[in-house]
Amino acid sequence: MQRWIHADRSQISLSTFSPDYARRILLISLISVGMGFTVLFPVLAPLGREIGLSEVQITFIIGASAMLVFLASPIWGRVSDRWGRKRVLLCGLFGFAAGTVLFNSVLYAGMTGVLTGTVLFVTLVVARMLHAAVMAASMPAASAYMADITTPENRTRGMGAAGAANNLGAILGPAIAGLAVISLLAPLWVMAVVALLNGLFVWRFLPEPPKAEQSEPAEHSASGKPPRLRYTDRRILPFVVVGVVMFSGMALVQQTMGFRFQDVLELNAADTAKAVGFAMMGSAVFSLLAQGFVVQRLTLPPFTLLKLSMPLLILAFTLMALVESQLWLTVAMMIQGFGMGLAGPGFMAGASLAVSPQEQGAVAGVAGSCGPLGFAIGPLVGGALYQFGPTWPYAVAAGMYVLLFASMFWIGRRITVHREPGAQA
């Protein structure tokens, strides 16, 4: 056990910091975060059609909110270096609860006919963007927290554990989406309560992690502010390229699967949410298996995990384009889940290891924003492609991953690992 002196009055101990205890509390919290991020996906596509929105409008809502997360994540990451990880994480959790209530209220207004047409669409976009701007604080703060309490040697396992907790939540989120058989909005109201309880849990039990003891870089000392990382920083640029392309392809698929299930299987809105929710649960289970067993038990370098994931994802998207049964569409989602279970920890750990301890908040924000940027690009492209042809989103996603996999050797040569002064090469 490491001992640290800190001044967080909300903690039960003022002189002892236990990384193992903090890790457990953080992972429990991330289960709820994973639930929040996935409960909407099975519901929004059929719900959007119920209130008269087109496929492009539905995917635009997700894309616009993801763009806000992309813009806000690096800012929240740097803010966590100044305010502390816990405080920023709480902003994200309580903001998620409040934003969910706002977004649900607008959806209810659409279902009851109080808002319709363009007014409803614009109000939904604004509500979701406000929601996204605040909930964006959660993942950069959580990722930086995990980096703070792990050593470089176990960083990949730490990120894998965080991803596994998130994916356990991703299993429970679609399960909650099954409440759509009662009301399409029921899963979202339940999630608002869960998010509020999660915020209270973190406020009460999660300690603020100790700050890095290493000497601060010159730019940090001179300004009094944490260093700001650019997306083009040569240390993290390979991971930025991989992350944006990887998440764009994933989002392109994920945001159209509700339409695919409903149209191919000829389901109503409630049954679509149930079928897609079950498939997403399967995807999350296999992602959890990848992160809980492969990542935790095999000491593979982060970029190796990325390279192993690419063929699996290509296979998954190819199946999605070719098959038209619920069984095989679900199998394709499971394969995708396993592939992303390998890719996620590799991506986050690789970016974290490329920079210094003082830059963990900044790199968590930059790396954490690659997913939202992908989810801003992917849904917009996916919605347009789906209207052009229902198999096009998956064929295009498979092609994107083929090109990414072909470029892995070139990208891999540009990977760097940060070493402290005096560390052995």
Protein backbone atom coordinates (compact mmCIF):
# COMPACT_ATOMS: atom_id res chain seq x y z
CA MET A 1 0.00 0.00 0.00
CA GLN A 2 1.23 3.48 -0.88
CA ARG A 3 0.76 6.33 1.60
CA TRP A 4 -0.07 9.86 0.50
CA ILE A 5 -1.13 13.06 2.26
CA HIS A 6 -4.13 14.77 0.70
CA ALA A 7 -6.86 17.18 1.74
CA ASP A 8 -10.09 15.75 0.37
CA ARG A 9 -12.48 16.21 3.32
CA SER A 10 -15.06 13.86 1.82
CA GLN A 11 -12.80 10.85 2.34
CA ILE A 12 -12.91 8.47 5.26
CA SER A 13 -9.11 8.60 5.62
CA LEU A 14 -6.90 11.68 5.46
CA SER A 15 -3.51 9.98 5.31
CA THR A 16 -3.81 6.69 3.45
CA PHE A 17 -4.50 6.18 -0.22
CA SER A 18 -5.08 2.62 -1.39
CA PRO A 19 -4.80 2.18 -5.17
CA ASP A 20 -6.60 -1.17 -4.96
CA TYR A 21 -9.54 0.37 -3.11
CA ALA A 22 -9.71 3.33 -5.49
CA ARG A 23 -9.54 1.00 -8.48
CA ARG A 24 -12.50 -1.05 -7.22
CA ILE A 25 -14.64 2.03 -6.61
CA LEU A 26 -13.76 3.47 -10.04
CA LEU A 27 -14.59 0.21 -11.80
CA ILE A 28 -17.96 -0.04 -10.05
CA SER A 29 -18.73 3.50 -11.20
CA LEU A 30 -17.70 2.71 -14.78
CA ILE A 31 -20.30 -0.06 -14.91
CA SER A 32 -22.98 2.58 -14.55
CA VAL A 33 -21.27 4.82 -17.11
CA GLY A 34 -21.30 1.95 -19.59
CA MET A 35 -25.00 1.45 -18.98
CA GLY A 36 -25.69 5.10 -19.72
CA PHE A 37 -23.79 5.11 -22.99
CA THR A 38 -25.56 2.02 -24.39
CA VAL A 39 -29.14 2.17 -23.14
CA LEU A 40 -30.08 4.78 -25.78
CA PHE A 41 -28.83 2.92 -28.88
CA PRO A 42 -31.46 0.14 -29.02
CA VAL A 43 -34.25 2.62 -28.28
CA LEU A 44 -33.51 5.73 -30.33
CA ALA A 45 -33.90 4.27 -33.84
CA PRO A 46 -37.42 2.84 -33.38
CA LEU A 47 -38.42 5.70 -31.06
CA GLY A 48 -37.27 8.28 -33.60
CA ARG A 49 -39.35 6.66 -36.30
CA GLU A 50 -42.35 6.62 -33.94
CA ILE A 51 -42.20 10.43 -33.53
CA GLY A 52 -41.77 11.03 -37.25
CA LEU A 53 -38.02 11.49 -37.66
CA SER A 54 -36.11 10.19 -40.68
CA GLU A 55 -33.03 7.96 -40.50
CA VAL A 56 -30.78 10.92 -41.29
CA GLN A 57 -32.39 13.06 -38.57
CA ILE A 58 -32.05 10.28 -35.99
CA THR A 59 -28.39 9.71 -36.76
CA PHE A 60 -27.77 13.47 -36.90
CA ILE A 61 -28.89 13.75 -33.25
CA ILE A 62 -26.21 11.25 -32.23
CA GLY A 63 -23.61 12.76 -34.56
CA ALA A 64 -24.15 16.32 -33.32
CA SER A 65 -23.94 15.31 -29.67
CA ALA A 66 -20.83 13.23 -30.35
CA MET A 67 -19.20 16.27 -31.95
CA LEU A 68 -19.79 18.18 -28.70
CA VAL A 69 -18.18 15.34 -26.73
CA PHE A 70 -15.23 15.46 -29.16
CA LEU A 71 -14.78 19.18 -28.59
CA ALA A 72 -15.33 19.05 -24.84
CA SER A 73 -13.30 15.94 -23.91
CA PRO A 74 -9.81 17.48 -24.28
CA ILE A 75 -10.97 20.49 -22.26
CA TRP A 76 -12.36 18.32 -19.48
CA GLY A 77 -9.16 16.24 -19.53
CA ARG A 78 -7.04 19.33 -18.91
CA VAL A 79 -9.50 20.64 -16.33
CA SER A 80 -9.11 17.37 -14.42
CA ASP A 81 -5.38 18.17 -14.08
CA ARG A 82 -6.33 21.40 -12.28
CA TRP A 83 -9.55 20.55 -10.44
CA GLY A 84 -8.78 16.91 -9.71
CA ARG A 85 -10.08 13.72 -11.31
CA LYS A 86 -12.90 13.16 -8.84
CA ARG A 87 -14.42 16.62 -9.15
CA VAL A 88 -14.51 16.44 -12.94
CA LEU A 89 -15.88 12.89 -12.86
CA LEU A 90 -18.71 14.13 -10.64
CA CYS A 91 -19.46 16.92 -13.11
CA GLY A 92 -19.87 14.29 -15.81
CA LEU A 93 -22.02 11.93 -13.74
CA PHE A 94 -24.43 14.51 -12.35
CA GLY A 95 -24.48 16.26 -15.73
CA PHE A 96 -25.42 12.96 -17.36
CA ALA A 97 -28.36 12.54 -14.98
CA ALA A 98 -29.65 16.09 -15.53
CA GLY A 99 -29.11 15.91 -19.29
CA THR A 100 -30.98 12.62 -19.53
CA VAL A 101 -33.98 14.17 -17.79
CA LEU A 102 -33.89 17.09 -20.26
CA PHE A 103 -33.58 14.86 -23.34
CA ASN A 104 -36.30 12.48 -22.12
CA SER A 105 -38.65 15.40 -21.51
CA VAL A 106 -38.27 16.56 -25.10
CA LEU A 107 -38.84 13.02 -26.39
CA TYR A 108 -42.00 12.82 -24.29
CA ALA A 109 -43.18 16.10 -25.78
CA GLY A 110 -42.67 14.56 -29.21
CA MET A 111 -44.55 11.39 -28.34
CA THR A 112 -47.53 13.34 -26.98
CA GLY A 113 -47.64 15.73 -29.96
CA VAL A 114 -46.71 18.86 -28.00
CA LEU A 115 -43.67 19.25 -30.28
CA THR A 116 -43.63 18.05 -33.89
CA GLY A 117 -41.70 18.39 -37.12
CA THR A 118 -38.74 20.72 -37.38
CA VAL A 119 -39.32 22.25 -33.93
CA LEU A 120 -39.13 18.79 -32.33
CA PHE A 121 -35.99 17.86 -34.29
CA VAL A 122 -34.12 21.08 -33.46
CA THR A 123 -35.12 20.88 -29.78
CA LEU A 124 -33.89 17.28 -29.57
CA VAL A 125 -30.57 18.27 -31.14
CA VAL A 126 -30.06 21.18 -28.73
CA ALA A 127 -31.06 19.11 -25.69
CA ARG A 128 -28.74 16.27 -26.64
CA MET A 129 -25.83 18.65 -27.32
CA LEU A 130 -26.25 20.31 -23.92
CA HIS A 131 -26.35 16.84 -22.39
CA ALA A 132 -23.20 15.82 -24.26
CA ALA A 133 -21.17 18.90 -23.32
CA VAL A 134 -21.37 18.02 -19.62
CA MET A 135 -21.38 14.21 -19.70
CA ALA A 136 -18.15 14.44 -21.74
CA ALA A 137 -16.31 14.99 -18.46
CA SER A 138 -16.78 11.39 -17.30
CA MET A 139 -14.47 9.32 -19.48
CA PRO A 140 -11.39 11.63 -19.66
CA ALA A 141 -11.46 11.96 -15.87
CA ALA A 142 -11.92 8.20 -15.39
CA SER A 143 -9.15 7.32 -17.86
CA ALA A 144 -6.75 9.82 -16.29
CA TYR A 145 -7.67 8.49 -12.83
CA MET A 146 -6.79 4.95 -13.94
CA ALA A 147 -3.49 6.21 -15.38
CA ASP A 148 -2.74 7.94 -12.06
CA ILE A 149 -3.14 4.76 -10.02
CA THR A 150 -1.35 2.33 -12.36
CA THR A 151 2.31 1.92 -13.23
CA PRO A 152 3.53 1.87 -16.86
CA GLU A 153 4.00 -1.90 -16.54
CA ASN A 154 0.34 -2.54 -15.70
CA ARG A 155 -1.20 0.39 -17.58
CA THR A 156 -2.65 -1.81 -20.34
CA ARG A 157 -4.24 -4.12 -17.78
CA GLY A 158 -5.64 -1.13 -15.91
CA MET A 159 -7.21 0.27 -19.06
CA GLY A 160 -8.43 -3.22 -19.90
CA ALA A 161 -10.11 -3.48 -16.50
CA ALA A 162 -11.74 -0.09 -17.05
CA GLY A 163 -12.94 -1.23 -20.46
CA ALA A 164 -14.23 -4.48 -18.98
CA ALA A 165 -16.22 -2.58 -16.33
CA ASN A 166 -17.59 -0.29 -19.02
CA ASN A 167 -18.59 -3.31 -21.06
CA LEU A 168 -20.26 -4.97 -18.11
CA GLY A 169 -22.37 -1.84 -17.99
CA ALA A 170 -22.88 -2.16 -21.73
CA ILE A 171 -24.42 -5.58 -21.04
CA LEU A 172 -26.79 -4.15 -18.45
CA GLY A 173 -27.70 -1.08 -20.53
CA PRO A 174 -29.39 -2.98 -23.36
CA ALA A 175 -31.01 -5.20 -20.73
CA ILE A 176 -32.63 -2.09 -19.29
CA ALA A 177 -33.65 -1.24 -22.87
CA GLY A 178 -35.92 -4.29 -22.63
CA LEU A 179 -38.24 -2.09 -20.53
CA ALA A 180 -39.23 -0.52 -23.85
CA VAL A 181 -41.99 -3.15 -24.02
CA ILE A 182 -43.64 -1.13 -21.22
CA SER A 183 -42.82 2.29 -22.66
CA LEU A 184 -40.16 3.42 -25.12
CA LEU A 185 -39.07 6.06 -22.62
CA ALA A 186 -39.01 3.78 -19.57
CA PRO A 187 -35.36 2.66 -20.06
CA LEU A 188 -34.18 6.26 -20.31
CA TRP A 189 -35.97 7.37 -17.13
CA VAL A 190 -34.50 4.42 -15.25
CA MET A 191 -31.03 5.38 -16.50
CA ALA A 192 -31.43 8.93 -15.24
CA VAL A 193 -32.00 7.56 -11.72
CA VAL A 194 -29.05 5.15 -12.02
CA ALA A 195 -26.76 7.99 -13.12
CA LEU A 196 -27.81 10.12 -10.16
CA LEU A 197 -27.15 7.25 -7.73
CA ASN A 198 -23.77 6.65 -9.36
CA GLY A 199 -22.80 10.28 -8.83
CA LEU A 200 -23.71 10.04 -5.15
CA PHE A 201 -21.72 6.80 -4.85
CA VAL A 202 -18.58 8.38 -6.34
CA TRP A 203 -18.97 11.52 -4.22
CA ARG A 204 -19.10 9.46 -1.06
CA PHE A 205 -16.56 6.71 -1.64
CA LEU A 206 -14.02 7.55 -4.39
CA PRO A 207 -10.82 9.20 -3.08
CA GLU A 208 -8.98 11.84 -5.08
CA PRO A 209 -5.83 10.20 -6.51
CA PRO A 210 -2.40 11.61 -5.62
CA LYS A 211 -0.77 13.83 -8.18
CA ALA A 212 2.38 12.71 -9.97
CA GLU A 213 5.52 13.45 -7.98
CA GLN A 214 7.77 13.96 -11.01
CA SER A 215 9.03 17.42 -11.73
CA GLU A 216 6.71 19.41 -13.96
CA PRO A 217 7.67 20.27 -17.51
CA ALA A 218 8.77 23.83 -18.18
CA GLU A 219 5.62 24.85 -20.03
CA HIS A 220 3.52 23.64 -17.13
CA SER A 221 5.53 25.48 -14.51
CA ALA A 222 5.67 28.76 -16.41
CA SER A 223 1.95 29.08 -17.02
CA GLY A 224 0.62 27.31 -13.94
CA LYS A 225 -1.63 25.29 -16.24
CA PRO A 226 -1.38 21.64 -17.33
CA PRO A 227 0.30 21.03 -20.71
CA ARG A 228 -1.92 21.07 -23.77
CA LEU A 229 -1.51 18.23 -26.24
CA ARG A 230 -2.23 18.66 -29.91
CA TYR A 231 -3.81 15.94 -31.97
CA THR A 232 -0.80 16.22 -34.28
CA ASP A 233 1.71 15.61 -31.46
CA ARG A 234 4.00 12.99 -33.01
CA ARG A 235 3.90 10.84 -29.87
CA ILE A 236 0.14 10.27 -30.02
CA LEU A 237 -0.64 10.93 -33.70
CA PRO A 238 -0.59 7.21 -34.65
CA PHE A 239 -3.18 6.46 -32.00
CA VAL A 240 -5.29 9.46 -33.03
CA VAL A 241 -5.37 8.20 -36.63
CA VAL A 242 -6.25 4.66 -35.58
CA GLY A 243 -8.82 5.82 -33.03
CA VAL A 244 -10.74 8.17 -35.31
CA VAL A 245 -10.94 5.68 -38.18
CA MET A 246 -11.72 2.79 -35.85
CA PHE A 247 -14.54 4.55 -34.01
CA SER A 248 -15.96 6.08 -37.21
CA GLY A 249 -16.41 2.60 -38.65
CA MET A 250 -17.88 1.30 -35.42
CA ALA A 251 -20.32 4.22 -35.11
CA LEU A 252 -21.32 3.98 -38.75
CA VAL A 253 -22.49 0.44 -38.04
CA GLN A 254 -23.83 0.79 -34.52
CA GLN A 255 -26.11 3.71 -35.29
CA THR A 256 -27.81 1.92 -38.20
CA MET A 257 -28.28 -1.53 -36.68
CA GLY A 258 -31.65 -0.53 -35.25
CA PHE A 259 -32.89 0.21 -38.77
CA ARG A 260 -31.32 -3.01 -40.07
CA PHE A 261 -33.02 -5.20 -37.47
CA GLN A 262 -36.39 -3.47 -37.87
CA ASP A 263 -36.44 -3.61 -41.67
CA VAL A 264 -35.00 -7.09 -42.22
CA LEU A 265 -37.04 -8.76 -39.47
CA GLU A 266 -40.14 -6.57 -39.98
CA LEU A 267 -40.45 -5.69 -36.29
CA ASN A 268 -42.43 -3.02 -34.47
CA ALA A 269 -40.65 -0.37 -32.37
CA ALA A 270 -40.74 -2.22 -29.04
CA ASP A 271 -39.63 -5.55 -30.53
CA THR A 272 -36.83 -3.78 -32.42
CA ALA A 273 -35.50 -2.26 -29.20
CA LYS A 274 -35.64 -5.71 -27.59
CA ALA A 275 -33.86 -7.48 -30.49
CA VAL A 276 -31.16 -4.83 -30.84
CA GLY A 277 -30.73 -4.73 -27.07
CA PHE A 278 -30.14 -8.48 -26.99
CA ALA A 279 -27.57 -8.24 -29.80
CA MET A 280 -25.79 -5.38 -28.01
CA MET A 281 -25.74 -7.44 -24.82
CA GLY A 282 -24.04 -10.25 -26.75
CA SER A 283 -21.55 -7.78 -28.19
CA ALA A 284 -20.77 -6.43 -24.74
CA VAL A 285 -20.38 -9.94 -23.27
CA PHE A 286 -17.76 -10.83 -25.88
CA SER A 287 -16.03 -7.49 -25.41
CA LEU A 288 -15.92 -8.24 -21.69
CA LEU A 289 -14.41 -11.67 -22.42
CA ALA A 290 -11.69 -10.06 -24.56
CA GLN A 291 -10.83 -7.49 -21.91
CA GLY A 292 -11.24 -9.75 -18.90
CA PHE A 293 -9.24 -12.69 -20.23
CA VAL A 294 -7.09 -11.84 -23.26
CA VAL A 295 -6.01 -8.36 -22.16
CA GLN A 296 -5.67 -9.22 -18.46
CA ARG A 297 -3.86 -12.55 -18.86
CA LEU A 298 -1.63 -11.89 -21.87
CA THR A 299 1.01 -9.17 -21.62
CA LEU A 300 0.64 -7.97 -25.20
CA PRO A 301 1.84 -4.51 -26.27
CA PRO A 302 -0.99 -2.05 -26.94
CA PHE A 303 -0.39 -1.84 -30.69
CA THR A 304 -0.36 -5.63 -30.97
CA LEU A 305 -3.86 -5.69 -29.52
CA LEU A 306 -4.94 -3.18 -32.15
CA LYS A 307 -3.52 -5.29 -34.98
CA LEU A 308 -5.19 -8.45 -33.66
CA SER A 309 -8.57 -6.72 -33.53
CA MET A 310 -8.67 -5.60 -37.17
CA PRO A 311 -9.38 -8.96 -38.91
CA LEU A 312 -12.16 -9.68 -36.42
CA LEU A 313 -13.82 -6.34 -37.10
CA ILE A 314 -13.52 -6.77 -40.86
CA LEU A 315 -15.23 -10.17 -40.54
CA ALA A 316 -18.00 -8.72 -38.36
CA PHE A 317 -18.86 -5.90 -40.74
CA THR A 318 -18.74 -8.21 -43.76
CA LEU A 319 -21.26 -10.51 -42.08
CA MET A 320 -23.53 -7.56 -41.30
CA ALA A 321 -23.63 -6.68 -45.00
CA LEU A 322 -24.34 -10.24 -46.15
CA VAL A 323 -26.70 -11.85 -43.61
CA GLU A 324 -30.39 -11.15 -42.99
CA SER A 325 -31.35 -13.33 -40.02
CA GLN A 326 -31.52 -12.29 -36.38
CA LEU A 327 -29.14 -15.08 -35.38
CA TRP A 328 -26.36 -14.13 -37.79
CA LEU A 329 -26.77 -10.39 -37.23
CA THR A 330 -26.39 -11.09 -33.51
CA VAL A 331 -23.32 -13.28 -34.15
CA ALA A 332 -21.79 -10.46 -36.20
CA MET A 333 -22.37 -8.07 -33.29
CA MET A 334 -20.66 -10.52 -30.92
CA ILE A 335 -17.59 -10.74 -33.17
CA GLN A 336 -17.51 -6.95 -33.34
CA GLY A 337 -17.67 -6.82 -29.54
CA PHE A 338 -14.70 -9.16 -29.17
CA GLY A 339 -12.68 -7.14 -31.66
CA MET A 340 -13.42 -3.84 -29.94
CA GLY A 341 -12.66 -5.47 -26.59
CA LEU A 342 -9.09 -5.95 -27.83
CA ALA A 343 -8.83 -2.60 -29.60
CA GLY A 344 -10.13 -0.31 -26.84
CA PRO A 345 -7.52 -1.03 -24.12
CA GLY A 346 -4.75 -1.11 -26.72
CA PHE A 347 -5.77 2.32 -27.99
CA MET A 348 -6.08 4.00 -24.57
CA ALA A 349 -3.02 2.35 -22.99
CA GLY A 350 -0.84 3.06 -26.02
CA ALA A 351 -1.68 6.77 -25.98
CA SER A 352 -1.19 6.94 -22.21
CA LEU A 353 2.24 5.28 -22.34
CA ALA A 354 3.42 7.64 -25.09
CA VAL A 355 3.41 10.72 -22.82
CA SER A 356 4.70 11.77 -19.40
CA PRO A 357 2.83 11.36 -16.07
CA GLN A 358 2.06 15.10 -15.97
CA GLU A 359 0.24 14.83 -19.31
CA GLN A 360 -2.16 12.04 -18.37
CA GLY A 361 -5.19 14.31 -18.06
CA ALA A 362 -4.41 15.95 -21.38
CA VAL A 363 -3.83 12.68 -23.23
CA ALA A 364 -6.96 11.14 -21.70
CA GLY A 365 -8.93 14.06 -23.08
CA VAL A 366 -7.39 13.81 -26.55
CA ALA A 367 -7.64 10.02 -26.77
CA GLY A 368 -11.09 10.07 -25.23
CA SER A 369 -12.27 12.54 -27.87
CA CYS A 370 -11.33 10.22 -30.77
CA GLY A 371 -14.35 8.04 -30.05
CA PRO A 372 -16.79 10.97 -30.01
CA LEU A 373 -15.28 12.33 -33.25
CA GLY A 374 -15.81 8.91 -34.79
CA PHE A 375 -19.37 8.90 -33.46
CA ALA A 376 -19.89 12.35 -34.97
CA ILE A 377 -18.71 11.25 -38.42
CA GLY A 378 -20.01 7.67 -38.46
CA PRO A 379 -23.74 8.22 -37.78
CA LEU A 380 -24.02 10.99 -40.35
CA VAL A 381 -22.34 8.86 -43.02
CA GLY A 382 -24.19 5.73 -41.89
CA GLY A 383 -27.62 7.36 -42.01
CA ALA A 384 -27.04 8.66 -45.54
CA LEU A 385 -25.62 5.33 -46.72
CA TYR A 386 -28.53 3.41 -45.24
CA GLN A 387 -31.02 5.46 -47.20
CA PHE A 388 -28.98 4.78 -50.34
CA GLY A 389 -28.87 1.04 -49.63
CA PRO A 390 -29.35 -0.97 -46.39
CA THR A 391 -26.09 -2.95 -46.81
CA TRP A 392 -23.90 0.02 -47.71
CA PRO A 393 -22.97 1.13 -44.15
CA TYR A 394 -21.48 -2.28 -43.35
CA ALA A 395 -19.67 -2.70 -46.65
CA VAL A 396 -18.11 0.75 -46.26
CA ALA A 397 -17.12 0.01 -42.64
CA ALA A 398 -15.44 -3.24 -43.70
CA GLY A 399 -13.55 -1.35 -46.41
CA MET A 400 -12.39 1.28 -43.92
CA TYR A 401 -10.96 -1.39 -41.64
CA VAL A 402 -9.24 -3.16 -44.53
CA LEU A 403 -7.42 0.09 -45.33
CA LEU A 404 -6.61 0.66 -41.66
CA PHE A 405 -5.25 -2.86 -41.26
CA ALA A 406 -3.12 -2.44 -44.40
CA SER A 407 -1.59 0.73 -42.94
CA MET A 408 -0.75 -0.81 -39.54
CA PHE A 409 2.90 -1.47 -40.38
CA TRP A 410 3.47 2.13 -41.42
CA ILE A 411 1.64 3.47 -38.36
CA GLY A 412 3.41 1.05 -36.00
CA ARG A 413 6.85 2.39 -36.93
CA ARG A 414 5.82 5.76 -35.49
CA ILE A 415 4.86 4.44 -32.05
CA THR A 416 6.89 5.84 -29.14
CA VAL A 417 6.88 4.99 -25.43
CA HIS A 418 7.66 7.70 -22.87
CA ARG A 419 10.58 6.94 -20.57
CA GLU A 420 11.45 8.88 -17.44
CA PRO A 421 14.98 10.28 -17.20
CA GLY A 422 17.32 7.51 -16.09
CA ALA A 423 14.94 4.73 -17.11
CA GLN A 424 16.52 1.84 -18.95
CA ALA A 425 15.71 1.48 -22.63
